[in-house]
Amino acid sequence: MTEESPEVPQSYEMVSVRRTEPPPGAEGTNWYRYVISFGGSNNIQGCRQGNLNVVTGAVEEIVAQLNERHRGKHGRVHLVPTPKQTPKKN
């Protein structure tokens, strides 16, 4: 017998949050570039303004929402049909 490891579902993960220059057309200071990875080879990159703690928290929230949406596509909801009622006869 061969023992198979259970399939681990892929999920989004925060890879990095680093200080950067403002994106073109943006003003202000305290800009951070973040990278979110899915499956190791697919990355989402973005910029956000704020202090490191605020930006990190916002990116963690984005990651949580992406994972929730991703997992929802795999039958998260279990629908159970309700029996139809037949009309009563007098």
Protein backbone atom coordinates (compact mmCIF):
# COMPACT_ATOMS: atom_id res chain seq x y z
CA MET A 1 0.00 0.00 0.00
CA THR A 2 1.16 3.50 -0.70
CA GLU A 3 0.35 6.28 1.65
CA GLU A 4 -0.83 9.45 -0.04
CA SER A 5 -0.61 12.78 1.67
CA PRO A 6 -3.86 14.74 1.83
CA GLU A 7 -4.15 17.48 -0.75
CA VAL A 8 -3.38 20.84 0.80
CA PRO A 9 -5.59 23.57 -0.66
CA GLN A 10 -3.69 26.52 -2.03
CA SER A 11 -4.18 29.79 -0.25
CA TYR A 12 -3.13 33.39 -0.56
CA GLU A 13 -0.26 34.54 1.65
CA MET A 14 1.31 37.89 2.40
CA VAL A 15 4.91 37.73 1.17
CA SER A 16 6.20 41.21 1.97
CA VAL A 17 5.39 44.80 2.89
CA ARG A 18 8.22 47.24 2.15
CA ARG A 19 8.55 50.99 2.15
CA THR A 20 8.59 52.50 -1.35
CA GLU A 21 8.32 55.72 -3.31
CA PRO A 22 4.82 57.02 -4.10
CA PRO A 23 3.30 55.49 -7.25
CA PRO A 24 3.20 57.76 -10.34
CA GLY A 25 0.63 60.52 -9.85
CA ALA A 26 0.30 59.92 -6.10
CA GLU A 27 1.28 62.42 -3.46
CA GLY A 28 2.27 62.19 0.15
CA THR A 29 4.65 60.08 2.16
CA ASN A 30 4.66 56.71 3.91
CA TRP A 31 3.99 54.49 0.91
CA TYR A 32 4.43 50.74 1.07
CA ARG A 33 4.51 48.11 -1.66
CA TYR A 34 3.02 44.75 -0.75
CA VAL A 35 3.18 41.34 -2.40
CA ILE A 36 0.57 38.62 -1.96
CA SER A 37 1.32 35.15 -3.33
CA PHE A 38 -1.00 32.36 -4.45
CA GLY A 39 0.52 28.97 -5.04
CA GLY A 40 4.06 30.28 -5.05
CA SER A 41 4.18 31.53 -8.64
CA ASN A 42 1.20 33.90 -8.91
CA ASN A 43 1.70 37.26 -7.23
CA ILE A 44 -0.50 40.25 -6.55
CA GLN A 45 1.39 43.50 -6.01
CA GLY A 46 0.03 46.79 -4.81
CA CYS A 47 0.81 50.04 -3.04
CA ARG A 48 -0.83 51.51 -0.01
CA GLN A 49 -0.26 54.65 2.03
CA GLY A 50 -0.05 54.66 5.83
CA ASN A 51 2.20 53.50 8.60
CA LEU A 52 3.62 49.98 8.56
CA ASN A 53 1.13 48.59 11.11
CA VAL A 54 -1.91 49.99 9.27
CA VAL A 55 -0.70 48.78 5.87
CA THR A 56 0.20 45.33 7.21
CA GLY A 57 -3.22 45.01 8.84
CA ALA A 58 -4.95 46.07 5.62
CA VAL A 59 -2.98 43.54 3.57
CA GLU A 60 -3.78 40.79 6.09
CA GLU A 61 -7.47 41.65 5.66
CA ILE A 62 -7.13 41.49 1.87
CA VAL A 63 -5.48 38.07 2.17
CA ALA A 64 -8.27 36.82 4.46
CA GLN A 65 -10.96 38.04 2.03
CA LEU A 66 -9.20 36.48 -0.96
CA ASN A 67 -8.94 33.14 0.84
CA GLU A 68 -12.58 33.30 1.86
CA ARG A 69 -13.65 33.96 -1.73
CA HIS A 70 -11.33 31.26 -3.07
CA ARG A 71 -12.57 28.60 -0.68
CA GLY A 72 -16.16 29.57 -1.40
CA LYS A 73 -15.76 28.39 -4.98
CA HIS A 74 -15.29 24.81 -3.83
CA GLY A 75 -18.72 23.99 -2.45
CA ARG A 76 -18.60 25.86 0.81
CA VAL A 77 -22.37 26.12 0.91
CA HIS A 78 -24.39 22.96 1.40
CA LEU A 79 -27.89 23.48 0.09
CA VAL A 80 -30.66 21.20 1.26
CA PRO A 81 -33.91 21.47 -0.70
CA THR A 82 -37.04 21.77 1.39
CA PRO A 83 -39.95 19.51 0.52
CA LYS A 84 -42.75 21.23 -1.33
CA GLN A 85 -46.03 21.43 0.48
CA THR A 86 -49.07 20.12 -1.27
CA PRO A 87 -52.26 22.16 -0.95
CA LYS A 88 -54.80 20.81 1.54
CA LYS A 89 -58.06 19.44 0.12
CA ASN A 90 -61.29 20.26 1.89
